[in-house]
Every structure is written in C-alpha cells, then in structure tokens.
Amino acid sequence: MTNINLQDFLRTRRSIRRFKTDLVPDSVISEILLTSTFAPSAHHRQPWRFVVLKNDSAKQHLADSMANAFEKDLQQDNLPQAEIDKLIQRSKSRINGAPVVIMLCLDMTDMNQYEDKKRNRAEFLTATQSVANAGMQLLLAAHAEGLGSVWVCSPIFAQETVQQALDIPKTWEPQAMFLIGYPADAPKVRERKSLEEIVKFV
C-alpha cells in the first residue's frame, strides 16, 4: 500500500470467484475482520456479526443447505431442471472452492426501537447500511492483503436456512456471504457507468 495511490487501490478491487488452494492464515483473517469493524455505523451500535468457515465439512453443509433452498425457489420460477441443476452446481462449487467463507449478519438487538412502523423501518435500514459498510470495508481489507473476494447476496434469500446450517442465534440475520482466498487468475476490468449517467449536481 505504501507505493500505491489510494484512489488507484480502491479502483483495482475486483470480484474474484476462483481461488488457489493456498490456505489463508488465521492472523490475516483476524486482521481483515478487525479492519471491517472500523466501519461507520448508525449510533455507533456496530450491528454486524461474522461467522467464519474454513472447515471443508462446514462449507459443504452450508453449500448443500443453501442449494436445497435455492432449488425450491428456482422451481417456483419454472426454470427447466437442467438449468436449475447447472446453477445449483455452480453455487456449491464456488462455496466449496473458497478457502475462507465469511457470513455477514445483522443483529438488531442494540438498535433503537420506536412506537411507529415508519421509524422502526428507518432504523432497520440504517442498521443494514451499517452492516453493508462493514462488508465493503472487509472487501477492501482483503484486497490490501493481496486476497481476492466476492460479495454473494444469496444468504438474504434463505436466512432461516443459513441460521440453521451455521447454528447461529435467531437475532443474527444473514445478509451476505464473502468468498475469500488468493486469486487463481487476474480479473478483467469491467465497464462502469459514467458519472453523467448517475450523478446530478444541484
């Protein structure tokens, strides 16, 4: 990091889905997690929770459990079974192929509670924003360690399944999953929308 411009560093982060088999040291994982906890959060309540999976059997159990829930959803969408099987296999292989899987969860226990639905919904959204901040910080921390990672949103579609598979408290609501390891190949640069498309100055 000493010889690279911060803007360049931020712009070179990529989503990595294929990893080498090299193990990631526990000390590096701890460093990444610690850095992620320095993210900003609403009321400084720090509603993020993390579950780290390195054991192959634990990853396999999570992959199988999520695949079962995923398959049911895809069947409801009336996708051909052959396509469903392909998507399921890809999902499972990605989870099992990652040296480290980190499940990012939201815990509302310490957040404010109000008498009206409007403010309670707003409070929930501020908490999810806080957790997302920690997730982005985690990705950047992994990047700083020379690791590749990818943000996977699917756990939010199968929260109860993930909770049961990981044996975590009901208050820990799965939000995202990060697959982490040393990159197996150099990622391509993907096109970004221009500022003219997404920004309005007033």
N, C-alpha and C. Protein backbone atom coordinates (compact mmCIF):
# COMPACT_ATOMS: atom_id res chain seq x y z
N MET A 1 0.81 -1.21 0.00
CA MET A 1 0.00 0.00 0.00
C MET A 1 0.85 1.26 0.00
N THR A 2 2.12 1.19 0.41
CA THR A 2 2.93 2.40 0.56
C THR A 2 3.23 3.06 -0.77
N ASN A 3 3.29 2.28 -1.84
CA ASN A 3 3.68 2.83 -3.13
C ASN A 3 2.51 2.91 -4.11
N ILE A 4 1.31 2.86 -3.61
CA ILE A 4 0.15 2.93 -4.49
C ILE A 4 -0.79 4.04 -4.03
N ASN A 5 -1.29 4.77 -4.99
CA ASN A 5 -2.26 5.82 -4.70
C ASN A 5 -3.55 5.20 -4.18
N LEU A 6 -4.14 5.82 -3.15
CA LEU A 6 -5.35 5.25 -2.55
C LEU A 6 -6.48 5.13 -3.56
N GLN A 7 -6.65 6.14 -4.41
CA GLN A 7 -7.71 6.06 -5.41
C GLN A 7 -7.50 4.87 -6.34
N ASP A 8 -6.25 4.65 -6.74
CA ASP A 8 -5.95 3.50 -7.60
C ASP A 8 -6.23 2.19 -6.87
N PHE A 9 -5.87 2.14 -5.59
CA PHE A 9 -6.11 0.94 -4.80
C PHE A 9 -7.60 0.61 -4.76
N LEU A 10 -8.42 1.63 -4.48
CA LEU A 10 -9.86 1.42 -4.40
C LEU A 10 -10.44 0.97 -5.73
N ARG A 11 -9.88 1.47 -6.81
CA ARG A 11 -10.42 1.16 -8.14
C ARG A 11 -9.92 -0.17 -8.68
N THR A 12 -8.95 -0.78 -8.03
CA THR A 12 -8.43 -2.06 -8.52
C THR A 12 -9.04 -3.26 -7.79
N ARG A 13 -9.93 -3.02 -6.85
CA ARG A 13 -10.63 -4.14 -6.22
C ARG A 13 -11.55 -4.79 -7.24
N ARG A 14 -11.55 -6.10 -7.29
CA ARG A 14 -12.40 -6.83 -8.22
C ARG A 14 -13.12 -7.97 -7.49
N SER A 15 -14.20 -8.42 -8.07
CA SER A 15 -14.90 -9.60 -7.56
C SER A 15 -14.20 -10.85 -8.09
N ILE A 16 -13.67 -11.66 -7.17
CA ILE A 16 -12.91 -12.86 -7.52
C ILE A 16 -13.71 -14.10 -7.12
N ARG A 17 -13.89 -15.01 -8.07
CA ARG A 17 -14.70 -16.21 -7.80
C ARG A 17 -13.90 -17.51 -7.90
N ARG A 18 -12.66 -17.42 -8.38
CA ARG A 18 -11.81 -18.61 -8.49
C ARG A 18 -10.55 -18.36 -7.67
N PHE A 19 -10.21 -19.35 -6.84
CA PHE A 19 -9.11 -19.17 -5.90
C PHE A 19 -8.09 -20.30 -5.99
N LYS A 20 -6.87 -19.98 -5.59
CA LYS A 20 -5.85 -21.01 -5.41
C LYS A 20 -6.22 -21.83 -4.17
N THR A 21 -5.58 -22.97 -4.02
CA THR A 21 -5.88 -23.82 -2.87
C THR A 21 -5.10 -23.39 -1.62
N ASP A 22 -4.22 -22.41 -1.75
CA ASP A 22 -3.42 -21.95 -0.61
C ASP A 22 -4.31 -21.52 0.55
N LEU A 23 -3.94 -21.92 1.75
CA LEU A 23 -4.69 -21.55 2.93
C LEU A 23 -4.42 -20.09 3.30
N VAL A 24 -5.41 -19.46 3.87
CA VAL A 24 -5.27 -18.08 4.36
C VAL A 24 -4.99 -18.16 5.86
N PRO A 25 -3.87 -17.60 6.32
CA PRO A 25 -3.53 -17.68 7.75
C PRO A 25 -4.61 -17.05 8.63
N ASP A 26 -4.81 -17.63 9.80
CA ASP A 26 -5.80 -17.10 10.74
C ASP A 26 -5.48 -15.66 11.12
N SER A 27 -4.20 -15.33 11.20
CA SER A 27 -3.81 -13.97 11.56
C SER A 27 -4.27 -12.97 10.52
N VAL A 28 -4.26 -13.37 9.26
CA VAL A 28 -4.71 -12.48 8.18
C VAL A 28 -6.23 -12.33 8.24
N ILE A 29 -6.93 -13.42 8.49
CA ILE A 29 -8.39 -13.35 8.62
C ILE A 29 -8.78 -12.43 9.76
N SER A 30 -8.09 -12.57 10.89
CA SER A 30 -8.39 -11.72 12.05
C SER A 30 -8.12 -10.26 11.73
N GLU A 31 -7.06 -10.00 10.99
CA GLU A 31 -6.73 -8.62 10.63
C GLU A 31 -7.82 -8.02 9.75
N ILE A 32 -8.31 -8.80 8.81
CA ILE A 32 -9.37 -8.35 7.91
C ILE A 32 -10.65 -8.05 8.70
N LEU A 33 -11.00 -8.95 9.59
CA LEU A 33 -12.21 -8.76 10.39
C LEU A 33 -12.08 -7.54 11.30
N LEU A 34 -10.91 -7.36 11.89
CA LEU A 34 -10.71 -6.20 12.76
C LEU A 34 -10.87 -4.91 11.98
N THR A 35 -10.29 -4.86 10.79
CA THR A 35 -10.42 -3.66 9.96
C THR A 35 -11.87 -3.39 9.60
N SER A 36 -12.62 -4.44 9.33
CA SER A 36 -14.03 -4.25 8.95
C SER A 36 -14.85 -3.64 10.08
N THR A 37 -14.44 -3.87 11.32
CA THR A 37 -15.19 -3.33 12.46
C THR A 37 -14.95 -1.84 12.67
N PHE A 38 -14.04 -1.26 11.91
CA PHE A 38 -13.81 0.18 11.99
C PHE A 38 -14.71 0.94 11.02
N ALA A 39 -15.65 0.25 10.40
CA ALA A 39 -16.62 0.90 9.52
C ALA A 39 -17.56 1.78 10.34
N PRO A 40 -18.11 2.82 9.73
CA PRO A 40 -19.10 3.64 10.44
C PRO A 40 -20.41 2.89 10.61
N SER A 41 -21.11 3.17 11.71
CA SER A 41 -22.40 2.53 11.95
C SER A 41 -23.35 3.51 12.62
N ALA A 42 -24.64 3.31 12.39
CA ALA A 42 -25.67 4.17 12.97
C ALA A 42 -25.60 4.12 14.49
N HIS A 43 -25.56 5.27 15.12
CA HIS A 43 -25.47 5.41 16.58
C HIS A 43 -24.24 4.72 17.16
N HIS A 44 -23.32 4.33 16.32
CA HIS A 44 -22.12 3.57 16.73
C HIS A 44 -22.52 2.27 17.43
N ARG A 45 -23.63 1.65 16.98
CA ARG A 45 -24.11 0.42 17.62
C ARG A 45 -23.41 -0.84 17.08
N GLN A 46 -22.74 -0.71 15.95
CA GLN A 46 -21.96 -1.83 15.39
C GLN A 46 -22.78 -3.12 15.31
N PRO A 47 -23.85 -3.13 14.50
CA PRO A 47 -24.77 -4.27 14.48
C PRO A 47 -24.30 -5.45 13.65
N TRP A 48 -23.06 -5.44 13.21
CA TRP A 48 -22.54 -6.53 12.38
C TRP A 48 -22.10 -7.72 13.23
N ARG A 49 -22.29 -8.90 12.67
CA ARG A 49 -21.81 -10.14 13.28
C ARG A 49 -21.20 -10.99 12.16
N PHE A 50 -20.19 -11.77 12.49
CA PHE A 50 -19.47 -12.54 11.47
C PHE A 50 -19.38 -14.02 11.87
N VAL A 51 -19.52 -14.88 10.88
CA VAL A 51 -19.27 -16.31 11.07
C VAL A 51 -18.22 -16.72 10.04
N VAL A 52 -17.12 -17.29 10.51
CA VAL A 52 -16.01 -17.66 9.63
C VAL A 52 -15.99 -19.18 9.43
N LEU A 53 -15.99 -19.59 8.17
CA LEU A 53 -15.94 -21.02 7.84
C LEU A 53 -14.65 -21.32 7.09
N LYS A 54 -13.84 -22.22 7.66
CA LYS A 54 -12.63 -22.70 6.99
C LYS A 54 -12.67 -24.21 6.80
N ASN A 55 -13.43 -24.88 7.65
CA ASN A 55 -13.53 -26.33 7.61
C ASN A 55 -14.31 -26.78 6.38
N ASP A 56 -13.78 -27.76 5.66
CA ASP A 56 -14.42 -28.21 4.42
C ASP A 56 -15.82 -28.76 4.67
N SER A 57 -16.00 -29.50 5.74
CA SER A 57 -17.32 -30.09 6.02
C SER A 57 -18.34 -29.01 6.35
N ALA A 58 -17.91 -27.95 7.04
CA ALA A 58 -18.81 -26.85 7.36
C ALA A 58 -19.24 -26.12 6.10
N LYS A 59 -18.29 -25.90 5.21
CA LYS A 59 -18.61 -25.24 3.95
C LYS A 59 -19.53 -26.11 3.10
N GLN A 60 -19.27 -27.41 3.10
CA GLN A 60 -20.11 -28.34 2.34
C GLN A 60 -21.54 -28.34 2.86
N HIS A 61 -21.68 -28.34 4.19
CA HIS A 61 -23.02 -28.35 4.80
C HIS A 61 -23.77 -27.07 4.46
N LEU A 62 -23.08 -25.94 4.52
CA LEU A 62 -23.71 -24.67 4.16
C LEU A 62 -24.10 -24.67 2.69
N ALA A 63 -23.19 -25.11 1.83
CA ALA A 63 -23.47 -25.13 0.39
C ALA A 63 -24.67 -26.02 0.07
N ASP A 64 -24.73 -27.19 0.68
CA ASP A 64 -25.84 -28.11 0.43
C ASP A 64 -27.17 -27.53 0.94
N SER A 65 -27.13 -26.94 2.12
CA SER A 65 -28.35 -26.37 2.71
C SER A 65 -28.89 -25.23 1.86
N MET A 66 -27.99 -24.34 1.45
CA MET A 66 -28.42 -23.22 0.61
C MET A 66 -28.88 -23.70 -0.75
N ALA A 67 -28.23 -24.72 -1.27
CA ALA A 67 -28.61 -25.25 -2.58
C ALA A 67 -30.03 -25.80 -2.56
N ASN A 68 -30.39 -26.47 -1.49
CA ASN A 68 -31.75 -27.01 -1.38
C ASN A 68 -32.79 -25.90 -1.39
N ALA A 69 -32.52 -24.83 -0.64
CA ALA A 69 -33.44 -23.69 -0.62
C ALA A 69 -33.47 -22.99 -1.98
N PHE A 70 -32.30 -22.86 -2.59
CA PHE A 70 -32.18 -22.21 -3.89
C PHE A 70 -32.96 -22.98 -4.95
N GLU A 71 -32.85 -24.29 -4.90
CA GLU A 71 -33.54 -25.12 -5.89
C GLU A 71 -35.06 -24.95 -5.80
N LYS A 72 -35.59 -24.89 -4.59
CA LYS A 72 -37.03 -24.70 -4.42
C LYS A 72 -37.49 -23.37 -5.02
N ASP A 73 -36.70 -22.32 -4.80
CA ASP A 73 -37.04 -21.01 -5.36
C ASP A 73 -37.02 -21.05 -6.89
N LEU A 74 -36.01 -21.69 -7.45
CA LEU A 74 -35.89 -21.76 -8.90
C LEU A 74 -37.01 -22.59 -9.51
N GLN A 75 -37.43 -23.62 -8.81
CA GLN A 75 -38.54 -24.43 -9.31
C GLN A 75 -39.84 -23.63 -9.32
N GLN A 76 -40.01 -22.76 -8.32
CA GLN A 76 -41.18 -21.88 -8.31
C GLN A 76 -41.14 -20.90 -9.48
N ASP A 77 -39.93 -20.58 -9.94
CA ASP A 77 -39.79 -19.69 -11.09
C ASP A 77 -39.97 -20.42 -12.41
N ASN A 78 -40.24 -21.73 -12.33
CA ASN A 78 -40.50 -22.57 -13.51
C ASN A 78 -39.31 -22.65 -14.46
N LEU A 79 -38.11 -22.63 -13.92
CA LEU A 79 -36.93 -22.82 -14.75
C LEU A 79 -36.79 -24.30 -15.10
N PRO A 80 -36.24 -24.60 -16.28
CA PRO A 80 -36.00 -26.00 -16.64
C PRO A 80 -35.06 -26.65 -15.62
N GLN A 81 -35.29 -27.91 -15.31
CA GLN A 81 -34.49 -28.58 -14.29
C GLN A 81 -33.01 -28.61 -14.66
N ALA A 82 -32.73 -28.74 -15.95
CA ALA A 82 -31.33 -28.78 -16.38
C ALA A 82 -30.62 -27.47 -16.04
N GLU A 83 -31.33 -26.36 -16.22
CA GLU A 83 -30.75 -25.06 -15.89
C GLU A 83 -30.60 -24.90 -14.38
N ILE A 84 -31.60 -25.39 -13.65
CA ILE A 84 -31.54 -25.35 -12.19
C ILE A 84 -30.32 -26.12 -11.68
N ASP A 85 -30.13 -27.32 -12.22
CA ASP A 85 -29.00 -28.15 -11.80
C ASP A 85 -27.67 -27.44 -12.06
N LYS A 86 -27.59 -26.75 -13.18
CA LYS A 86 -26.36 -26.03 -13.53
C LYS A 86 -26.10 -24.90 -12.54
N LEU A 87 -27.14 -24.14 -12.21
CA LEU A 87 -26.99 -23.03 -11.27
C LEU A 87 -26.65 -23.52 -9.87
N ILE A 88 -27.28 -24.61 -9.47
CA ILE A 88 -27.03 -25.19 -8.15
C ILE A 88 -25.58 -25.67 -8.04
N GLN A 89 -25.13 -26.36 -9.07
CA GLN A 89 -23.77 -26.88 -9.06
C GLN A 89 -22.75 -25.75 -9.02
N ARG A 90 -23.01 -24.69 -9.76
CA ARG A 90 -22.09 -23.55 -9.76
C ARG A 90 -22.03 -22.90 -8.39
N SER A 91 -23.19 -22.75 -7.76
CA SER A 91 -23.24 -22.15 -6.43
C SER A 91 -22.44 -22.98 -5.42
N LYS A 92 -22.66 -24.29 -5.44
CA LYS A 92 -21.98 -25.17 -4.49
C LYS A 92 -20.47 -25.20 -4.72
N SER A 93 -20.07 -25.23 -5.98
CA SER A 93 -18.63 -25.30 -6.28
C SER A 93 -17.91 -24.03 -5.86
N ARG A 94 -18.59 -22.89 -5.95
CA ARG A 94 -17.96 -21.64 -5.55
C ARG A 94 -17.75 -21.59 -4.03
N ILE A 95 -18.75 -22.02 -3.29
CA ILE A 95 -18.62 -22.02 -1.83
C ILE A 95 -17.54 -23.01 -1.40
N ASN A 96 -17.60 -24.21 -1.95
CA ASN A 96 -16.63 -25.24 -1.57
C ASN A 96 -15.22 -24.93 -2.06
N GLY A 97 -15.12 -24.14 -3.11
CA GLY A 97 -13.81 -23.82 -3.67
C GLY A 97 -13.11 -22.65 -3.02
N ALA A 98 -13.79 -21.98 -2.11
CA ALA A 98 -13.19 -20.83 -1.43
C ALA A 98 -12.47 -21.29 -0.17
N PRO A 99 -11.22 -20.92 0.02
CA PRO A 99 -10.51 -21.29 1.25
C PRO A 99 -11.19 -20.77 2.51
N VAL A 100 -11.79 -19.59 2.40
CA VAL A 100 -12.47 -18.98 3.55
C VAL A 100 -13.84 -18.47 3.11
N VAL A 101 -14.84 -18.74 3.92
CA VAL A 101 -16.18 -18.18 3.72
C VAL A 101 -16.54 -17.40 4.97
N ILE A 102 -16.94 -16.16 4.80
CA ILE A 102 -17.36 -15.34 5.93
C ILE A 102 -18.81 -14.93 5.72
N MET A 103 -19.66 -15.29 6.67
CA MET A 103 -21.06 -14.90 6.63
C MET A 103 -21.23 -13.62 7.44
N LEU A 104 -21.77 -12.61 6.81
CA LEU A 104 -22.00 -11.32 7.46
C LEU A 104 -23.47 -11.23 7.87
N CYS A 105 -23.69 -10.98 9.15
CA CYS A 105 -25.05 -10.95 9.68
C CYS A 105 -25.38 -9.61 10.32
N LEU A 106 -26.66 -9.36 10.45
CA LEU A 106 -27.18 -8.16 11.12
C LEU A 106 -27.85 -8.58 12.42
N ASP A 107 -27.51 -7.87 13.50
CA ASP A 107 -28.16 -8.10 14.79
C ASP A 107 -28.79 -6.79 15.25
N MET A 108 -30.12 -6.77 15.33
CA MET A 108 -30.84 -5.55 15.68
C MET A 108 -30.95 -5.33 17.19
N THR A 109 -30.38 -6.21 17.98
CA THR A 109 -30.57 -6.19 19.43
C THR A 109 -30.26 -4.82 20.05
N ASP A 110 -29.18 -4.20 19.63
CA ASP A 110 -28.75 -2.94 20.24
C ASP A 110 -29.27 -1.70 19.52
N MET A 111 -30.07 -1.90 18.48
CA MET A 111 -30.59 -0.75 17.74
C MET A 111 -31.82 -0.18 18.45
N ASN A 112 -32.17 1.06 18.11
CA ASN A 112 -33.31 1.72 18.75
C ASN A 112 -34.63 1.06 18.33
N GLN A 113 -35.61 1.13 19.21
CA GLN A 113 -36.97 0.68 18.90
C GLN A 113 -37.93 1.82 19.14
N TYR A 114 -38.88 1.98 18.21
CA TYR A 114 -39.82 3.10 18.26
C TYR A 114 -41.25 2.59 18.34
N GLU A 115 -42.16 3.52 18.56
CA GLU A 115 -43.58 3.18 18.68
C GLU A 115 -44.27 3.07 17.33
N ASP A 116 -43.64 3.59 16.28
CA ASP A 116 -44.29 3.59 14.97
C ASP A 116 -43.47 2.81 13.95
N LYS A 117 -44.17 2.26 12.96
CA LYS A 117 -43.54 1.42 11.94
C LYS A 117 -42.56 2.20 11.07
N LYS A 118 -42.90 3.46 10.79
CA LYS A 118 -42.05 4.25 9.89
C LYS A 118 -40.64 4.39 10.44
N ARG A 119 -40.54 4.76 11.72
CA ARG A 119 -39.20 4.93 12.29
C ARG A 119 -38.50 3.59 12.54
N ASN A 120 -39.27 2.56 12.85
CA ASN A 120 -38.66 1.24 13.01
C ASN A 120 -38.08 0.74 11.69
N ARG A 121 -38.78 1.02 10.60
CA ARG A 121 -38.25 0.63 9.29
C ARG A 121 -36.99 1.43 8.97
N ALA A 122 -37.03 2.72 9.28
CA ALA A 122 -35.85 3.56 9.04
C ALA A 122 -34.67 3.06 9.87
N GLU A 123 -34.94 2.68 11.10
CA GLU A 123 -33.88 2.17 11.98
C GLU A 123 -33.28 0.88 11.42
N PHE A 124 -34.16 0.02 10.89
CA PHE A 124 -33.68 -1.22 10.27
C PHE A 124 -32.80 -0.92 9.07
N LEU A 125 -33.21 0.06 8.27
CA LEU A 125 -32.42 0.41 7.10
C LEU A 125 -31.07 0.99 7.49
N THR A 126 -31.04 1.81 8.55
CA THR A 126 -29.74 2.34 8.99
C THR A 126 -28.83 1.22 9.47
N ALA A 127 -29.43 0.20 10.07
CA ALA A 127 -28.63 -0.95 10.53
C ALA A 127 -28.08 -1.74 9.35
N THR A 128 -28.91 -1.96 8.33
CA THR A 128 -28.43 -2.68 7.15
C THR A 128 -27.36 -1.89 6.42
N GLN A 129 -27.51 -0.56 6.39
CA GLN A 129 -26.46 0.28 5.81
C GLN A 129 -25.16 0.12 6.59
N SER A 130 -25.27 0.06 7.90
CA SER A 130 -24.09 -0.09 8.75
C SER A 130 -23.38 -1.41 8.45
N VAL A 131 -24.16 -2.48 8.34
CA VAL A 131 -23.59 -3.79 8.05
C VAL A 131 -22.94 -3.79 6.66
N ALA A 132 -23.58 -3.13 5.71
CA ALA A 132 -23.01 -3.03 4.36
C ALA A 132 -21.68 -2.29 4.39
N ASN A 133 -21.59 -1.25 5.23
CA ASN A 133 -20.32 -0.54 5.38
C ASN A 133 -19.22 -1.49 5.84
N ALA A 134 -19.54 -2.33 6.82
CA ALA A 134 -18.56 -3.30 7.31
C ALA A 134 -18.18 -4.29 6.22
N GLY A 135 -19.16 -4.67 5.40
CA GLY A 135 -18.89 -5.59 4.31
C GLY A 135 -17.95 -5.01 3.28
N MET A 136 -18.17 -3.75 2.92
CA MET A 136 -17.27 -3.11 1.96
C MET A 136 -15.87 -2.95 2.54
N GLN A 137 -15.81 -2.62 3.81
CA GLN A 137 -14.51 -2.49 4.47
C GLN A 137 -13.78 -3.84 4.49
N LEU A 138 -14.54 -4.91 4.67
CA LEU A 138 -13.95 -6.25 4.66
C LEU A 138 -13.35 -6.57 3.29
N LEU A 139 -14.07 -6.25 2.24
CA LEU A 139 -13.56 -6.48 0.88
C LEU A 139 -12.26 -5.73 0.63
N LEU A 140 -12.22 -4.48 1.08
CA LEU A 140 -11.03 -3.66 0.87
C LEU A 140 -9.87 -4.15 1.72
N ALA A 141 -10.17 -4.60 2.94
CA ALA A 141 -9.13 -5.13 3.81
C ALA A 141 -8.52 -6.40 3.20
N ALA A 142 -9.37 -7.24 2.61
CA ALA A 142 -8.88 -8.44 1.94
C ALA A 142 -8.00 -8.06 0.75
N HIS A 143 -8.43 -7.08 0.00
CA HIS A 143 -7.68 -6.58 -1.15
C HIS A 143 -6.30 -6.09 -0.72
N ALA A 144 -6.25 -5.41 0.41
CA ALA A 144 -4.98 -4.88 0.93
C ALA A 144 -4.02 -6.00 1.31
N GLU A 145 -4.56 -7.18 1.63
CA GLU A 145 -3.73 -8.32 2.00
C GLU A 145 -3.36 -9.19 0.80
N GLY A 146 -3.72 -8.72 -0.41
CA GLY A 146 -3.42 -9.49 -1.61
C GLY A 146 -4.39 -10.62 -1.86
N LEU A 147 -5.52 -10.59 -1.19
CA LEU A 147 -6.53 -11.63 -1.34
C LEU A 147 -7.61 -11.20 -2.33
N GLY A 148 -8.25 -12.18 -2.93
CA GLY A 148 -9.42 -11.92 -3.74
C GLY A 148 -10.67 -12.24 -2.94
N SER A 149 -11.76 -11.62 -3.31
CA SER A 149 -13.02 -11.86 -2.59
C SER A 149 -14.19 -11.51 -3.49
N VAL A 150 -15.34 -12.03 -3.11
CA VAL A 150 -16.57 -11.69 -3.84
C VAL A 150 -17.71 -11.61 -2.84
N TRP A 151 -18.56 -10.63 -3.05
CA TRP A 151 -19.76 -10.41 -2.22
C TRP A 151 -20.89 -11.24 -2.81
N VAL A 152 -21.46 -12.15 -2.04
CA VAL A 152 -22.56 -13.00 -2.50
C VAL A 152 -23.81 -12.66 -1.71
N CYS A 153 -24.88 -12.29 -2.41
CA CYS A 153 -26.11 -11.81 -1.76
C CYS A 153 -27.09 -12.92 -1.39
N SER A 154 -26.88 -14.12 -1.90
CA SER A 154 -27.89 -15.17 -1.77
C SER A 154 -28.32 -15.51 -0.34
N PRO A 155 -27.48 -15.37 0.69
CA PRO A 155 -27.95 -15.72 2.04
C PRO A 155 -29.19 -14.95 2.49
N ILE A 156 -29.38 -13.75 1.97
CA ILE A 156 -30.53 -12.95 2.40
C ILE A 156 -31.84 -13.56 1.89
N PHE A 157 -31.76 -14.42 0.88
CA PHE A 157 -32.94 -15.10 0.36
C PHE A 157 -33.24 -16.41 1.10
N ALA A 158 -32.33 -16.80 1.99
CA ALA A 158 -32.51 -18.07 2.71
C ALA A 158 -31.98 -17.92 4.14
N GLN A 159 -32.47 -16.90 4.82
CA GLN A 159 -31.90 -16.57 6.13
C GLN A 159 -32.08 -17.69 7.16
N GLU A 160 -33.28 -18.25 7.25
CA GLU A 160 -33.52 -19.32 8.23
C GLU A 160 -32.68 -20.55 7.92
N THR A 161 -32.55 -20.86 6.64
CA THR A 161 -31.73 -22.00 6.23
C THR A 161 -30.29 -21.80 6.66
N VAL A 162 -29.77 -20.61 6.44
CA VAL A 162 -28.38 -20.30 6.82
C VAL A 162 -28.22 -20.34 8.34
N GLN A 163 -29.18 -19.77 9.05
CA GLN A 163 -29.11 -19.79 10.52
C GLN A 163 -29.03 -21.22 11.05
N GLN A 164 -29.85 -22.09 10.50
CA GLN A 164 -29.85 -23.49 10.95
C GLN A 164 -28.56 -24.19 10.57
N ALA A 165 -28.08 -23.93 9.36
CA ALA A 165 -26.85 -24.60 8.89
C ALA A 165 -25.64 -24.20 9.72
N LEU A 166 -25.61 -22.94 10.17
CA LEU A 166 -24.47 -22.43 10.92
C LEU A 166 -24.69 -22.47 12.43
N ASP A 167 -25.90 -22.83 12.85
CA ASP A 167 -26.24 -22.90 14.27
C ASP A 167 -25.94 -21.57 14.96
N ILE A 168 -26.49 -20.50 14.41
CA ILE A 168 -26.29 -19.17 14.97
C ILE A 168 -27.60 -18.65 15.57
N PRO A 169 -27.53 -17.67 16.46
CA PRO A 169 -28.74 -17.15 17.11
C PRO A 169 -29.74 -16.59 16.10
N LYS A 170 -31.01 -16.63 16.46
CA LYS A 170 -32.07 -16.10 15.61
C LYS A 170 -31.90 -14.60 15.38
N THR A 171 -31.25 -13.93 16.31
CA THR A 171 -31.06 -12.48 16.16
C THR A 171 -29.98 -12.15 15.13
N TRP A 172 -29.20 -13.13 14.73
CA TRP A 172 -28.19 -12.92 13.70
C TRP A 172 -28.83 -13.18 12.33
N GLU A 173 -29.17 -12.13 11.62
CA GLU A 173 -29.85 -12.25 10.33
C GLU A 173 -28.82 -12.21 9.20
N PRO A 174 -28.61 -13.32 8.49
CA PRO A 174 -27.64 -13.35 7.40
C PRO A 174 -27.97 -12.31 6.33
N GLN A 175 -26.96 -11.56 5.94
CA GLN A 175 -27.13 -10.51 4.94
C GLN A 175 -26.32 -10.78 3.68
N ALA A 176 -25.12 -11.29 3.84
CA ALA A 176 -24.24 -11.51 2.70
C ALA A 176 -23.17 -12.52 3.07
N MET A 177 -22.56 -13.08 2.05
CA MET A 177 -21.50 -14.07 2.24
C MET A 177 -20.30 -13.66 1.41
N PHE A 178 -19.12 -13.77 2.00
CA PHE A 178 -17.89 -13.39 1.30
C PHE A 178 -17.03 -14.63 1.08
N LEU A 179 -16.68 -14.88 -0.16
CA LEU A 179 -15.77 -15.96 -0.51
C LEU A 179 -14.39 -15.33 -0.66
N ILE A 180 -13.41 -15.86 0.04
CA ILE A 180 -12.11 -15.21 0.13
C ILE A 180 -10.98 -16.22 -0.08
N GLY A 181 -9.95 -15.79 -0.79
CA GLY A 181 -8.76 -16.62 -1.00
C GLY A 181 -7.79 -15.89 -1.90
N TYR A 182 -6.70 -16.55 -2.21
CA TYR A 182 -5.73 -15.96 -3.13
C TYR A 182 -6.21 -16.18 -4.56
N PRO A 183 -6.26 -15.12 -5.38
CA PRO A 183 -6.84 -15.22 -6.73
C PRO A 183 -6.15 -16.27 -7.60
N ALA A 184 -6.94 -17.04 -8.33
CA ALA A 184 -6.40 -18.04 -9.24
C ALA A 184 -6.02 -17.43 -10.58
N ASP A 185 -6.59 -16.28 -10.89
CA ASP A 185 -6.27 -15.61 -12.15
C ASP A 185 -6.52 -14.12 -12.00
N ALA A 186 -6.03 -13.36 -12.97
CA ALA A 186 -6.19 -11.91 -12.94
C ALA A 186 -7.58 -11.55 -13.46
N PRO A 187 -8.34 -10.79 -12.70
CA PRO A 187 -9.70 -10.44 -13.12
C PRO A 187 -9.70 -9.39 -14.23
N LYS A 188 -10.72 -9.44 -15.06
CA LYS A 188 -10.88 -8.44 -16.11
C LYS A 188 -11.47 -7.16 -15.53
N VAL A 189 -11.14 -6.06 -16.17
CA VAL A 189 -11.72 -4.77 -15.78
C VAL A 189 -13.09 -4.65 -16.44
N ARG A 190 -14.12 -4.46 -15.63
CA ARG A 190 -15.48 -4.34 -16.16
C ARG A 190 -15.86 -2.87 -16.29
N GLU A 191 -16.66 -2.60 -17.30
CA GLU A 191 -17.04 -1.21 -17.58
C GLU A 191 -17.95 -0.66 -16.48
N ARG A 192 -17.74 0.60 -16.15
CA ARG A 192 -18.56 1.29 -15.14
C ARG A 192 -19.41 2.35 -15.82
N LYS A 193 -20.55 2.64 -15.22
CA LYS A 193 -21.39 3.71 -15.75
C LYS A 193 -20.67 5.04 -15.59
N SER A 194 -20.89 5.93 -16.53
CA SER A 194 -20.25 7.25 -16.47
C SER A 194 -20.91 8.10 -15.39
N LEU A 195 -20.18 9.09 -14.91
CA LEU A 195 -20.74 9.99 -13.90
C LEU A 195 -21.96 10.72 -14.44
N GLU A 196 -21.97 10.98 -15.74
CA GLU A 196 -23.11 11.67 -16.35
C GLU A 196 -24.40 10.87 -16.20
N GLU A 197 -24.29 9.56 -16.14
CA GLU A 197 -25.46 8.70 -16.01
C GLU A 197 -26.00 8.62 -14.59
N ILE A 198 -25.15 8.85 -13.61
CA ILE A 198 -25.54 8.53 -12.23
C ILE A 198 -25.47 9.70 -11.26
N VAL A 199 -25.01 10.86 -11.72
CA VAL A 199 -24.81 11.98 -10.80
C VAL A 199 -25.62 13.19 -11.24
N LYS A 200 -26.23 13.85 -10.28
CA LYS A 200 -26.90 15.13 -10.52
C LYS A 200 -26.33 16.16 -9.56
N PHE A 201 -25.76 17.22 -10.10
CA PHE A 201 -25.26 18.32 -9.28
C PHE A 201 -26.35 19.37 -9.14
N VAL A 202 -26.58 19.86 -7.94
CA VAL A 202 -27.62 20.89 -7.72
C VAL A 202 -27.02 22.08 -6.98
